[in-house]
Every structure is written in C-alpha cells, then in structure tokens.
C-alpha cells in the first residue's frame, strides 16, 4: 500500500487580491498572461486592461485565481498566452491570498495479490 500526500492546504491559498510588483514593458491591452511557475504556465490568469506608452501594465483583471499553492506575499511572474497583441515581458504581481482550510488530501493506492 502506498500513501501519497497530494495537497496540504494549510497556509497557502488562491490569489484573491494582488498588487503590481513590476509593470513589465511591451504589453498591450487585451493580452492574457499565465503564471510562470516551476511547472510551466499555470492556471493563474490575468488579462491586461490598460498600459502606458511603453507597454507597462497599469491595470489588469484576474480571470482565474489559480490553484491553492500561492503563499501570502509571494511574487509571481507571468508569461504570455498566445495569441497576443503585445510582446511584453517582466510583469509580476505580489499575491494576496485566502489561506487554506487546514485539510489534507491523501490518495491511497493498493493492490490485491493472489498468493499461490
């Protein structure tokens, strides 16, 4: 039998608020960005609402607040999701989160063997 800890939802959570940490440059209104996690583009999505003349992000909307793996105050980088109007880079947010509920999810795998 194997016990696997899948998710410890204790202090981390989904992004429920955020502030711009770095405005980046080269973005265009309407660009969709995904978090640049260690596993590749993730499920925290933002849409750029407004930019200045250099393509610095001024306002954005979180369209999907991601998994429950973000830590309070964590800096989150983003990558572009094609197709894009802009060719931006360098946008980062500082995460505000709602902490997890203290639950654990375990998956139990077992196999019944026939003995002869």
PDB file of N, CA and C in Angstrom:
ATOM      1  N   UNK A   1       0.854  -1.164   0.000  1.00  0.00           N
ATOM      2  CA  UNK A   1       0.000   0.000   0.000  1.00  0.00           C
ATOM      3  C   UNK A   1       0.900   1.227   0.000  1.00  0.00           C
ATOM      4  N   UNK A   2       0.473   2.238  -0.738  1.00  0.00           N
ATOM      5  CA  UNK A   2       1.201   3.497  -0.826  1.00  0.00           C
ATOM      6  C   UNK A   2       0.289   4.632  -0.407  1.00  0.00           C
ATOM      7  N   UNK A   3       0.770   5.475   0.479  1.00  0.00           N
ATOM      8  CA  UNK A   3       0.049   6.686   0.861  1.00  0.00           C
ATOM      9  C   UNK A   3       0.784   7.866   0.234  1.00  0.00           C
ATOM     10  N   UNK A   4       0.063   8.720  -0.448  1.00  0.00           N
ATOM     11  CA  UNK A   4       0.663   9.892  -1.085  1.00  0.00           C
ATOM     12  C   UNK A   4      -0.047  11.145  -0.613  1.00  0.00           C
ATOM     13  N   UNK A   5       0.724  12.094  -0.121  1.00  0.00           N
ATOM     14  CA  UNK A   5       0.168  13.389   0.247  1.00  0.00           C
ATOM     15  C   UNK A   5       0.051  14.207  -1.030  1.00  0.00           C
ATOM     16  N   UNK A   6      -1.173  14.527  -1.418  1.00  0.00           N
ATOM     17  CA  UNK A   6      -1.416  15.243  -2.664  1.00  0.00           C
ATOM     18  C   UNK A   6      -1.451  16.747  -2.439  1.00  0.00           C
ATOM     19  N   UNK A   7      -2.124  17.202  -1.397  1.00  0.00           N
ATOM     20  CA  UNK A   7      -2.254  18.634  -1.201  1.00  0.00           C
ATOM     21  C   UNK A   7      -2.399  18.922   0.285  1.00  0.00           C
ATOM     22  N   UNK A   8      -1.497  19.720   0.803  1.00  0.00           N
ATOM     23  CA  UNK A   8      -1.606  20.189   2.174  1.00  0.00           C
ATOM     24  C   UNK A   8      -2.068  21.637   2.119  1.00  0.00           C
ATOM     25  N   UNK A   9      -3.345  21.844   2.271  1.00  0.00           N
ATOM     26  CA  UNK A   9      -3.957  23.158   2.106  1.00  0.00           C
ATOM     27  C   UNK A   9      -4.033  23.856   3.464  1.00  0.00           C
ATOM     28  N   UNK A  10      -2.858  24.257   3.980  1.00  0.00           N
ATOM     29  CA  UNK A  10      -2.807  24.775   5.340  1.00  0.00           C
ATOM     30  C   UNK A  10      -2.680  26.290   5.393  1.00  0.00           C
ATOM     31  N   UNK A  11      -1.622  26.844   4.824  1.00  0.00           N
ATOM     32  CA  UNK A  11      -1.430  28.300   4.912  1.00  0.00           C
ATOM     33  C   UNK A  11      -1.468  28.980   3.555  1.00  0.00           C
ATOM     34  N   UNK A  12      -1.318  28.234   2.490  1.00  0.00           N
ATOM     35  CA  UNK A  12      -1.351  28.817   1.155  1.00  0.00           C
ATOM     36  C   UNK A  12      -2.783  28.862   0.648  1.00  0.00           C
ATOM     37  N   UNK A  13      -2.998  29.528  -0.464  1.00  0.00           N
ATOM     38  CA  UNK A  13      -4.346  29.611  -0.991  1.00  0.00           C
ATOM     39  C   UNK A  13      -4.382  30.174  -2.388  1.00  0.00           C
ATOM     40  N   UNK A  14      -5.586  30.415  -2.872  1.00  0.00           N
ATOM     41  CA  UNK A  14      -5.787  31.018  -4.183  1.00  0.00           C
ATOM     42  C   UNK A  14      -5.580  32.523  -4.080  1.00  0.00           C
ATOM     43  N   UNK A  15      -5.143  33.117  -5.167  1.00  0.00           N
ATOM     44  CA  UNK A  15      -4.927  34.570  -5.180  1.00  0.00           C
ATOM     45  C   UNK A  15      -6.285  35.259  -5.201  1.00  0.00           C
ATOM     46  N   UNK A  16      -6.549  36.039  -4.172  1.00  0.00           N
ATOM     47  CA  UNK A  16      -7.821  36.753  -4.080  1.00  0.00           C
ATOM     48  C   UNK A  16      -7.637  38.266  -4.173  1.00  0.00           C
ATOM     49  N   UNK A  17      -6.407  38.703  -4.044  1.00  0.00           N
ATOM     50  CA  UNK A  17      -6.070  40.110  -4.247  1.00  0.00           C
ATOM     51  C   UNK A  17      -4.609  40.150  -4.677  1.00  0.00           C
ATOM     52  N   UNK A  18      -4.193  41.265  -5.232  1.00  0.00           N
ATOM     53  CA  UNK A  18      -2.801  41.357  -5.667  1.00  0.00           C
ATOM     54  C   UNK A  18      -2.452  42.813  -5.919  1.00  0.00           C
ATOM     55  N   UNK A  19      -1.150  43.069  -5.968  1.00  0.00           N
ATOM     56  CA  UNK A  19      -0.645  44.383  -6.339  1.00  0.00           C
ATOM     57  C   UNK A  19       0.454  44.177  -7.384  1.00  0.00           C
ATOM     58  N   UNK A  20       0.664  45.192  -8.220  1.00  0.00           N
ATOM     59  CA  UNK A  20       1.720  45.105  -9.218  1.00  0.00           C
ATOM     60  C   UNK A  20       3.066  45.225  -8.512  1.00  0.00           C
ATOM     61  N   UNK A  21       3.922  44.234  -8.720  1.00  0.00           N
ATOM     62  CA  UNK A  21       5.277  44.235  -8.192  1.00  0.00           C
ATOM     63  C   UNK A  21       6.229  44.838  -9.223  1.00  0.00           C
ATOM     64  N   UNK A  22       6.030  44.475 -10.497  1.00  0.00           N
ATOM     65  CA  UNK A  22       6.801  45.016 -11.618  1.00  0.00           C
ATOM     66  C   UNK A  22       5.855  45.140 -12.814  1.00  0.00           C
ATOM     67  N   UNK A  23       5.802  46.317 -13.439  1.00  0.00           N
ATOM     68  CA  UNK A  23       4.841  46.575 -14.512  1.00  0.00           C
ATOM     69  C   UNK A  23       5.258  45.977 -15.851  1.00  0.00           C
ATOM     70  N   UNK A  24       6.514  45.520 -15.964  1.00  0.00           N
ATOM     71  CA  UNK A  24       6.986  44.964 -17.229  1.00  0.00           C
ATOM     72  C   UNK A  24       6.990  46.019 -18.323  1.00  0.00           C
ATOM     73  N   UNK A  25       7.124  45.581 -19.580  1.00  0.00           N
ATOM     74  CA  UNK A  25       7.062  46.501 -20.714  1.00  0.00           C
ATOM     75  C   UNK A  25       6.693  45.722 -21.966  1.00  0.00           C
ATOM     76  N   UNK A  26       6.149  46.445 -22.938  1.00  0.00           N
ATOM     77  CA  UNK A  26       5.805  45.841 -24.215  1.00  0.00           C
ATOM     78  C   UNK A  26       4.445  45.171 -24.275  1.00  0.00           C
ATOM     79  N   UNK A  27       3.640  45.313 -23.245  1.00  0.00           N
ATOM     80  CA  UNK A  27       2.318  44.692 -23.225  1.00  0.00           C
ATOM     81  C   UNK A  27       1.297  45.548 -23.972  1.00  0.00           C
ATOM     82  N   UNK A  28       0.176  44.933 -24.333  1.00  0.00           N
ATOM     83  CA  UNK A  28      -0.937  45.625 -24.973  1.00  0.00           C
ATOM     84  C   UNK A  28      -2.216  45.265 -24.234  1.00  0.00           C
ATOM     85  N   UNK A  29      -3.169  46.192 -24.240  1.00  0.00           N
ATOM     86  CA  UNK A  29      -4.478  45.898 -23.635  1.00  0.00           C
ATOM     87  C   UNK A  29      -5.052  44.654 -24.303  1.00  0.00           C
ATOM     88  N   UNK A  30      -5.593  43.765 -23.491  1.00  0.00           N
ATOM     89  CA  UNK A  30      -6.175  42.527 -24.001  1.00  0.00           C
ATOM     90  C   UNK A  30      -5.243  41.334 -23.927  1.00  0.00           C
ATOM     91  N   UNK A  31      -3.948  41.560 -23.656  1.00  0.00           N
ATOM     92  CA  UNK A  31      -3.025  40.430 -23.515  1.00  0.00           C
ATOM     93  C   UNK A  31      -3.466  39.555 -22.347  1.00  0.00           C
ATOM     94  N   UNK A  32      -3.388  38.250 -22.541  1.00  0.00           N
ATOM     95  CA  UNK A  32      -3.680  37.284 -21.478  1.00  0.00           C
ATOM     96  C   UNK A  32      -2.361  36.696 -21.007  1.00  0.00           C
ATOM     97  N   UNK A  33      -2.164  36.674 -19.690  1.00  0.00           N
ATOM     98  CA  UNK A  33      -0.919  36.200 -19.090  1.00  0.00           C
ATOM     99  C   UNK A  33      -1.212  35.063 -18.121  1.00  0.00           C
ATOM    100  N   UNK A  34      -0.305  34.094 -18.061  1.00  0.00           N
ATOM    101  CA  UNK A  34      -0.417  32.970 -17.125  1.00  0.00           C
ATOM    102  C   UNK A  34       0.788  32.979 -16.203  1.00  0.00           C
ATOM    103  N   UNK A  35       0.592  32.504 -14.969  1.00  0.00           N
ATOM    104  CA  UNK A  35       1.709  32.470 -14.028  1.00  0.00           C
ATOM    105  C   UNK A  35       2.831  31.610 -14.585  1.00  0.00           C
ATOM    106  N   UNK A  36       4.043  32.015 -14.287  1.00  0.00           N
ATOM    107  CA  UNK A  36       5.241  31.315 -14.748  1.00  0.00           C
ATOM    108  C   UNK A  36       5.789  30.505 -13.583  1.00  0.00           C
ATOM    109  N   UNK A  37       5.100  29.397 -13.279  1.00  0.00           N
ATOM    110  CA  UNK A  37       5.525  28.577 -12.144  1.00  0.00           C
ATOM    111  C   UNK A  37       6.630  27.623 -12.570  1.00  0.00           C
ATOM    112  N   UNK A  38       7.201  26.922 -11.608  1.00  0.00           N
ATOM    113  CA  UNK A  38       8.274  25.979 -11.925  1.00  0.00           C
ATOM    114  C   UNK A  38       7.789  24.827 -12.795  1.00  0.00           C
ATOM    115  N   UNK A  39       6.486  24.640 -12.900  1.00  0.00           N
ATOM    116  CA  UNK A  39       5.921  23.572 -13.719  1.00  0.00           C
ATOM    117  C   UNK A  39       5.482  24.076 -15.082  1.00  0.00           C
ATOM    118  N   UNK A  40       5.822  25.306 -15.435  1.00  0.00           N
ATOM    119  CA  UNK A  40       5.393  25.887 -16.702  1.00  0.00           C
ATOM    120  C   UNK A  40       4.191  26.780 -16.488  1.00  0.00           C
ATOM    121  N   UNK A  41       3.642  27.342 -17.576  1.00  0.00           N
ATOM    122  CA  UNK A  41       2.489  28.231 -17.428  1.00  0.00           C
ATOM    123  C   UNK A  41       1.371  27.560 -16.650  1.00  0.00           C
ATOM    124  N   UNK A  42       0.857  28.284 -15.669  1.00  0.00           N
ATOM    125  CA  UNK A  42      -0.122  27.694 -14.775  1.00  0.00           C
ATOM    126  C   UNK A  42      -1.529  28.194 -14.994  1.00  0.00           C
ATOM    127  N   UNK A  43      -2.325  28.076 -13.942  1.00  0.00           N
ATOM    128  CA  UNK A  43      -3.747  28.398 -14.059  1.00  0.00           C
ATOM    129  C   UNK A  43      -4.138  29.701 -13.378  1.00  0.00           C
ATOM    130  N   UNK A  44      -3.150  30.508 -12.977  1.00  0.00           N
ATOM    131  CA  UNK A  44      -3.435  31.861 -12.510  1.00  0.00           C
ATOM    132  C   UNK A  44      -3.371  32.746 -13.750  1.00  0.00           C
ATOM    133  N   UNK A  45      -4.518  33.260 -14.168  1.00  0.00           N
ATOM    134  CA  UNK A  45      -4.586  34.025 -15.419  1.00  0.00           C
ATOM    135  C   UNK A  45      -5.000  35.461 -15.158  1.00  0.00           C
ATOM    136  N   UNK A  46      -4.370  36.384 -15.878  1.00  0.00           N
ATOM    137  CA  UNK A  46      -4.751  37.791 -15.827  1.00  0.00           C
ATOM    138  C   UNK A  46      -4.897  38.312 -17.251  1.00  0.00           C
ATOM    139  N   UNK A  47      -5.771  39.292 -17.413  1.00  0.00           N
ATOM    140  CA  UNK A  47      -5.916  39.999 -18.679  1.00  0.00           C
ATOM    141  C   UNK A  47      -5.487  41.441 -18.439  1.00  0.00           C
ATOM    142  N   UNK A  48      -4.626  41.941 -19.312  1.00  0.00           N
ATOM    143  CA  UNK A  48      -4.155  43.323 -19.227  1.00  0.00           C
ATOM    144  C   UNK A  48      -5.287  44.240 -19.681  1.00  0.00           C
ATOM    145  N   UNK A  49      -5.638  45.188 -18.835  1.00  0.00           N
ATOM    146  CA  UNK A  49      -6.697  46.143 -19.185  1.00  0.00           C
ATOM    147  C   UNK A  49      -6.135  47.399 -19.836  1.00  0.00           C
ATOM    148  N   UNK A  50      -5.146  48.026 -19.189  1.00  0.00           N
ATOM    149  CA  UNK A  50      -4.579  49.261 -19.719  1.00  0.00           C
ATOM    150  C   UNK A  50      -3.061  49.242 -19.570  1.00  0.00           C
ATOM    151  N   UNK A  51      -2.416  49.929 -20.502  1.00  0.00           N
ATOM    152  CA  UNK A  51      -0.962  50.072 -20.482  1.00  0.00           C
ATOM    153  C   UNK A  51      -0.615  51.533 -20.789  1.00  0.00           C
ATOM    154  N   UNK A  52       0.625  51.910 -20.462  1.00  0.00           N
ATOM    155  CA  UNK A  52       1.077  53.250 -20.853  1.00  0.00           C
ATOM    156  C   UNK A  52       1.778  53.163 -22.211  1.00  0.00           C
ATOM    157  N   UNK A  53       2.405  54.246 -22.654  1.00  0.00           N
ATOM    158  CA  UNK A  53       3.039  54.294 -23.967  1.00  0.00           C
ATOM    159  C   UNK A  53       4.182  53.311 -24.155  1.00  0.00           C
ATOM    160  N   UNK A  54       4.771  52.840 -23.072  1.00  0.00           N
ATOM    161  CA  UNK A  54       5.867  51.860 -23.159  1.00  0.00           C
ATOM    162  C   UNK A  54       5.382  50.430 -22.951  1.00  0.00           C
ATOM    163  N   UNK A  55       4.064  50.270 -22.808  1.00  0.00           N
ATOM    164  CA  UNK A  55       3.521  48.928 -22.595  1.00  0.00           C
ATOM    165  C   UNK A  55       3.637  48.433 -21.175  1.00  0.00           C
ATOM    166  N   UNK A  56       3.869  49.356 -20.223  1.00  0.00           N
ATOM    167  CA  UNK A  56       3.858  48.980 -18.803  1.00  0.00           C
ATOM    168  C   UNK A  56       2.414  48.720 -18.396  1.00  0.00           C
ATOM    169  N   UNK A  57       2.172  47.630 -17.693  1.00  0.00           N
ATOM    170  CA  UNK A  57       0.814  47.304 -17.256  1.00  0.00           C
ATOM    171  C   UNK A  57       0.396  48.285 -16.170  1.00  0.00           C
ATOM    172  N   UNK A  58      -0.728  48.956 -16.401  1.00  0.00           N
ATOM    173  CA  UNK A  58      -1.283  49.884 -15.409  1.00  0.00           C
ATOM    174  C   UNK A  58      -2.417  49.237 -14.635  1.00  0.00           C
ATOM    175  N   UNK A  59      -3.293  48.514 -15.341  1.00  0.00           N
ATOM    176  CA  UNK A  59      -4.405  47.814 -14.684  1.00  0.00           C
ATOM    177  C   UNK A  59      -4.585  46.445 -15.338  1.00  0.00           C
ATOM    178  N   UNK A  60      -5.149  45.537 -14.591  1.00  0.00           N
ATOM    179  CA  UNK A  60      -5.344  44.165 -15.044  1.00  0.00           C
ATOM    180  C   UNK A  60      -6.531  43.570 -14.300  1.00  0.00           C
ATOM    181  N   UNK A  61      -7.025  42.465 -14.809  1.00  0.00           N
ATOM    182  CA  UNK A  61      -8.094  41.722 -14.151  1.00  0.00           C
ATOM    183  C   UNK A  61      -7.652  40.276 -13.996  1.00  0.00           C
ATOM    184  N   UNK A  62      -7.798  39.725 -12.795  1.00  0.00           N
ATOM    185  CA  UNK A  62      -7.547  38.296 -12.589  1.00  0.00           C
ATOM    186  C   UNK A  62      -8.777  37.559 -13.094  1.00  0.00           C
ATOM    187  N   UNK A  63      -8.582  36.696 -14.092  1.00  0.00           N
ATOM    188  CA  UNK A  63      -9.708  35.950 -14.662  1.00  0.00           C
ATOM    189  C   UNK A  63      -9.797  34.527 -14.127  1.00  0.00           C
ATOM    190  N   UNK A  64      -8.713  34.014 -13.579  1.00  0.00           N
ATOM    191  CA  UNK A  64      -8.722  32.714 -12.901  1.00  0.00           C
ATOM    192  C   UNK A  64      -7.708  32.815 -11.780  1.00  0.00           C
ATOM    193  N   UNK A  65      -8.147  32.633 -10.531  1.00  0.00           N
ATOM    194  CA  UNK A  65      -7.259  32.894  -9.395  1.00  0.00           C
ATOM    195  C   UNK A  65      -6.340  31.741  -9.020  1.00  0.00           C
ATOM    196  N   UNK A  66      -6.218  30.750  -9.882  1.00  0.00           N
ATOM    197  CA  UNK A  66      -5.174  29.749  -9.718  1.00  0.00           C
ATOM    198  C   UNK A  66      -5.477  28.666  -8.710  1.00  0.00           C
ATOM    199  N   UNK A  67      -4.463  27.869  -8.473  1.00  0.00           N
ATOM    200  CA  UNK A  67      -4.560  26.762  -7.532  1.00  0.00           C
ATOM    201  C   UNK A  67      -4.438  27.298  -6.115  1.00  0.00           C
ATOM    202  N   UNK A  68      -4.404  26.420  -5.174  1.00  0.00           N
ATOM    203  CA  UNK A  68      -4.280  26.850  -3.778  1.00  0.00           C
ATOM    204  C   UNK A  68      -2.835  26.834  -3.306  1.00  0.00           C
ATOM    205  N   UNK A  69      -1.885  26.932  -4.227  1.00  0.00           N
ATOM    206  CA  UNK A  69      -0.484  26.812  -3.852  1.00  0.00           C
ATOM    207  C   UNK A  69       0.278  28.090  -3.623  1.00  0.00           C
ATOM    208  N   UNK A  70      -0.366  29.240  -3.647  1.00  0.00           N
ATOM    209  CA  UNK A  70       0.345  30.516  -3.513  1.00  0.00           C
ATOM    210  C   UNK A  70       0.498  30.902  -2.058  1.00  0.00           C
ATOM    211  N   UNK A  71       1.655  31.444  -1.715  1.00  0.00           N
ATOM    212  CA  UNK A  71       1.932  31.879  -0.347  1.00  0.00           C
ATOM    213  C   UNK A  71       1.620  33.373  -0.214  1.00  0.00           C
ATOM    214  N   UNK A  72       1.216  33.800   0.972  1.00  0.00           N
ATOM    215  CA  UNK A  72       0.965  35.230   1.181  1.00  0.00           C
ATOM    216  C   UNK A  72       2.209  36.054   0.870  1.00  0.00           C
ATOM    217  N   UNK A  73       2.040  37.114   0.073  1.00  0.00           N
ATOM    218  CA  UNK A  73       3.151  37.991  -0.256  1.00  0.00           C
ATOM    219  C   UNK A  73       4.103  37.449  -1.307  1.00  0.00           C
ATOM    220  N   UNK A  74       3.815  36.293  -1.888  1.00  0.00           N
ATOM    221  CA  UNK A  74       4.682  35.692  -2.893  1.00  0.00           C
ATOM    222  C   UNK A  74       4.690  36.542  -4.158  1.00  0.00           C
ATOM    223  N   UNK A  75       5.882  36.716  -4.766  1.00  0.00           N
ATOM    224  CA  UNK A  75       5.989  37.399  -6.053  1.00  0.00           C
ATOM    225  C   UNK A  75       5.776  36.379  -7.157  1.00  0.00           C
ATOM    226  N   UNK A  76       4.885  36.699  -8.088  1.00  0.00           N
ATOM    227  CA  UNK A  76       4.519  35.773  -9.157  1.00  0.00           C
ATOM    228  C   UNK A  76       4.850  36.410 -10.494  1.00  0.00           C
ATOM    229  N   UNK A  77       5.670  35.739 -11.287  1.00  0.00           N
ATOM    230  CA  UNK A  77       5.992  36.177 -12.636  1.00  0.00           C
ATOM    231  C   UNK A  77       4.987  35.604 -13.622  1.00  0.00           C
ATOM    232  N   UNK A  78       4.933  36.192 -14.809  1.00  0.00           N
ATOM    233  CA  UNK A  78       3.954  35.782 -15.815  1.00  0.00           C
ATOM    234  C   UNK A  78       4.593  35.607 -17.178  1.00  0.00           C
ATOM    235  N   UNK A  79       3.968  34.746 -17.990  1.00  0.00           N
ATOM    236  CA  UNK A  79       4.349  34.554 -19.390  1.00  0.00           C
ATOM    237  C   UNK A  79       3.127  34.839 -20.244  1.00  0.00           C
ATOM    238  N   UNK A  80       3.372  35.173 -21.503  1.00  0.00           N
ATOM    239  CA  UNK A  80       2.284  35.472 -22.427  1.00  0.00           C
ATOM    240  C   UNK A  80       1.577  34.196 -22.862  1.00  0.00           C
ATOM    241  N   UNK A  81       0.279  34.301 -23.062  1.00  0.00           N
ATOM    242  CA  UNK A  81      -0.513  33.207 -23.615  1.00  0.00           C
ATOM    243  C   UNK A  81      -0.916  33.648 -25.014  1.00  0.00           C
ATOM    244  N   UNK A  82      -0.509  32.904 -26.031  1.00  0.00           N
ATOM    245  CA  UNK A  82      -0.768  33.289 -27.432  1.00  0.00           C
ATOM    246  C   UNK A  82      -2.242  33.135 -27.766  1.00  0.00           C
ATOM    247  N   UNK A  83      -2.799  33.855 -28.730  1.00  0.00           N
ATOM    248  CA  UNK A  83      -2.132  34.939 -29.464  1.00  0.00           C
ATOM    249  C   UNK A  83      -2.171  36.231 -28.654  1.00  0.00           C
ATOM    250  N   UNK A  84      -1.200  37.087 -28.889  1.00  0.00           N
ATOM    251  CA  UNK A  84      -1.074  38.328 -28.146  1.00  0.00           C
ATOM    252  C   UNK A  84      -0.978  39.509 -29.101  1.00  0.00           C
ATOM    253  N   UNK A  85      -1.474  40.647 -28.644  1.00  0.00           N
ATOM    254  CA  UNK A  85      -1.275  41.893 -29.391  1.00  0.00           C
ATOM    255  C   UNK A  85       0.091  42.473 -29.069  1.00  0.00           C
ATOM    256  N   UNK A  86       0.487  42.364 -27.808  1.00  0.00           N
ATOM    257  CA  UNK A  86       1.776  42.897 -27.373  1.00  0.00           C
ATOM    258  C   UNK A  86       2.835  41.813 -27.337  1.00  0.00           C
ATOM    259  N   UNK A  87       4.058  42.228 -27.041  1.00  0.00           N
ATOM    260  CA  UNK A  87       5.166  41.277 -26.907  1.00  0.00           C
ATOM    261  C   UNK A  87       5.862  41.546 -25.586  1.00  0.00           C
ATOM    262  N   UNK A  88       5.058  41.659 -24.548  1.00  0.00           N
ATOM    263  CA  UNK A  88       5.563  42.095 -23.255  1.00  0.00           C
ATOM    264  C   UNK A  88       6.333  41.047 -22.489  1.00  0.00           C
ATOM    265  N   UNK A  89       7.049  41.544 -21.478  1.00  0.00           N
ATOM    266  CA  UNK A  89       7.749  40.673 -20.538  1.00  0.00           C
ATOM    267  C   UNK A  89       7.986  41.444 -19.248  1.00  0.00           C
ATOM    268  N   UNK A  90       8.230  40.707 -18.193  1.00  0.00           N
ATOM    269  CA  UNK A  90       8.624  41.314 -16.926  1.00  0.00           C
ATOM    270  C   UNK A  90       7.509  41.658 -15.959  1.00  0.00           C
ATOM    271  N   UNK A  91       6.246  41.347 -16.305  1.00  0.00           N
ATOM    272  CA  UNK A  91       5.130  41.663 -15.400  1.00  0.00           C
ATOM    273  C   UNK A  91       5.140  40.716 -14.212  1.00  0.00           C
ATOM    274  N   UNK A  92       5.008  41.276 -12.998  1.00  0.00           N
ATOM    275  CA  UNK A  92       4.966  40.479 -11.771  1.00  0.00           C
ATOM    276  C   UNK A  92       3.927  41.048 -10.812  1.00  0.00           C
ATOM    277  N   UNK A  93       3.292  40.159 -10.077  1.00  0.00           N
ATOM    278  CA  UNK A  93       2.335  40.534  -9.036  1.00  0.00           C
ATOM    279  C   UNK A  93       2.843  40.071  -7.686  1.00  0.00           C
ATOM    280  N   UNK A  94       2.393  40.743  -6.646  1.00  0.00           N
ATOM    281  CA  UNK A  94       2.570  40.255  -5.287  1.00  0.00           C
ATOM    282  C   UNK A  94       1.222  39.724  -4.849  1.00  0.00           C
ATOM    283  N   UNK A  95       1.196  38.465  -4.415  1.00  0.00           N
ATOM    284  CA  UNK A  95      -0.055  37.767  -4.127  1.00  0.00           C
ATOM    285  C   UNK A  95      -0.637  38.123  -2.775  1.00  0.00           C
ATOM    286  N   UNK A  96      -1.959  38.344  -2.784  1.00  0.00           N
ATOM    287  CA  UNK A  96      -2.755  38.362  -1.564  1.00  0.00           C
ATOM    288  C   UNK A  96      -3.617  37.115  -1.654  1.00  0.00           C
ATOM    289  N   UNK A  97      -3.673  36.329  -0.622  1.00  0.00           N
ATOM    290  CA  UNK A  97      -4.366  35.045  -0.714  1.00  0.00           C
ATOM    291  C   UNK A  97      -5.373  34.869   0.410  1.00  0.00           C
ATOM    292  N   UNK A  98      -6.292  33.944   0.196  1.00  0.00           N
ATOM    293  CA  UNK A  98      -7.166  33.458   1.253  1.00  0.00           C
ATOM    294  C   UNK A  98      -6.579  32.129   1.702  1.00  0.00           C
ATOM    295  N   UNK A  99      -6.131  32.025   2.958  1.00  0.00           N
ATOM    296  CA  UNK A  99      -5.472  30.793   3.402  1.00  0.00           C
ATOM    297  C   UNK A  99      -6.358  29.570   3.234  1.00  0.00           C
ATOM    298  N   UNK A 100      -5.692  28.425   3.157  1.00  0.00           N
ATOM    299  CA  UNK A 100      -6.387  27.150   3.046  1.00  0.00           C
ATOM    300  C   UNK A 100      -7.209  26.846   4.287  1.00  0.00           C
ATOM    301  N   UNK A 101      -7.973  25.782   4.206  1.00  0.00           N
ATOM    302  CA  UNK A 101      -8.892  25.435   5.281  1.00  0.00           C
ATOM    303  C   UNK A 101      -8.322  24.420   6.262  1.00  0.00           C
ATOM    304  N   UNK A 102      -7.038  24.086   6.135  1.00  0.00           N
ATOM    305  CA  UNK A 102      -6.411  23.163   7.080  1.00  0.00           C
ATOM    306  C   UNK A 102      -6.631  21.696   6.760  1.00  0.00           C
ATOM    307  N   UNK A 103      -7.146  21.385   5.576  1.00  0.00           N
ATOM    308  CA  UNK A 103      -7.395  19.991   5.227  1.00  0.00           C
ATOM    309  C   UNK A 103      -6.211  19.398   4.473  1.00  0.00           C
ATOM    310  N   UNK A 104      -6.125  18.094   4.517  1.00  0.00           N
ATOM    311  CA  UNK A 104      -5.140  17.348   3.757  1.00  0.00           C
ATOM    312  C   UNK A 104      -5.864  16.403   2.821  1.00  0.00           C
ATOM    313  N   UNK A 105      -5.305  16.211   1.642  1.00  0.00           N
ATOM    314  CA  UNK A 105      -5.872  15.243   0.708  1.00  0.00           C
ATOM    315  C   UNK A 105      -4.859  14.124   0.545  1.00  0.00           C
ATOM    316  N   UNK A 106      -5.244  12.914   0.894  1.00  0.00           N
ATOM    317  CA  UNK A 106      -4.386  11.749   0.736  1.00  0.00           C
ATOM    318  C   UNK A 106      -4.982  10.823  -0.302  1.00  0.00           C
ATOM    319  N   UNK A 107      -4.107  10.229  -1.099  1.00  0.00           N
ATOM    320  CA  UNK A 107      -4.539   9.220  -2.057  1.00  0.00           C
ATOM    321  C   UNK A 107      -3.932   7.898  -1.621  1.00  0.00           C
ATOM    322  N   UNK A 108      -4.763   6.896  -1.480  1.00  0.00           N
ATOM    323  CA  UNK A 108      -4.293   5.565  -1.078  1.00  0.00           C
ATOM    324  C   UNK A 108      -4.377   4.643  -2.277  1.00  0.00           C
ATOM    325  N   UNK A 109      -3.244   4.070  -2.656  1.00  0.00           N
ATOM    326  CA  UNK A 109      -3.199   3.090  -3.728  1.00  0.00           C
ATOM    327  C   UNK A 109      -2.885   1.729  -3.119  1.00  0.00           C
ATOM    328  N   UNK A 110      -3.655   0.747  -3.483  1.00  0.00           N
ATOM    329  CA  UNK A 110      -3.382  -0.596  -3.003  1.00  0.00           C
ATOM    330  C   UNK A 110      -3.638  -1.601  -4.105  1.00  0.00           C
ATOM    331  N   UNK A 111      -3.056  -2.785  -3.932  1.00  0.00           N
ATOM    332  CA  UNK A 111      -3.195  -3.849  -4.911  1.00  0.00           C
ATOM    333  C   UNK A 111      -3.463  -5.139  -4.165  1.00  0.00           C
ATOM    334  N   UNK A 112      -4.422  -5.910  -4.634  1.00  0.00           N
ATOM    335  CA  UNK A 112      -4.730  -7.205  -4.042  1.00  0.00           C
ATOM    336  C   UNK A 112      -3.933  -8.247  -4.810  1.00  0.00           C
ATOM    337  N   UNK A 113      -3.103  -8.992  -4.092  1.00  0.00           N
ATOM    338  CA  UNK A 113      -2.263 -10.005  -4.701  1.00  0.00           C
ATOM    339  C   UNK A 113      -2.846 -11.381  -4.454  1.00  0.00           C
ATOM    340  N   UNK A 114      -2.759 -12.216  -5.426  1.00  0.00           N
ATOM    341  CA  UNK A 114      -3.196 -13.611  -5.285  1.00  0.00           C
ATOM    342  C   UNK A 114      -1.970 -14.436  -4.939  1.00  0.00           C
ATOM    343  N   UNK A 115      -2.045 -15.122  -3.810  1.00  0.00           N
ATOM    344  CA  UNK A 115      -0.921 -15.965  -3.383  1.00  0.00           C
ATOM    345  C   UNK A 115      -1.189 -17.396  -3.828  1.00  0.00           C
ATOM    346  N   UNK A 116      -0.192 -18.037  -4.354  1.00  0.00           N
ATOM    347  CA  UNK A 116      -0.375 -19.433  -4.777  1.00  0.00           C
ATOM    348  C   UNK A 116       0.480 -20.370  -3.994  1.00  0.00           C
TER     349      UNK A 116
END
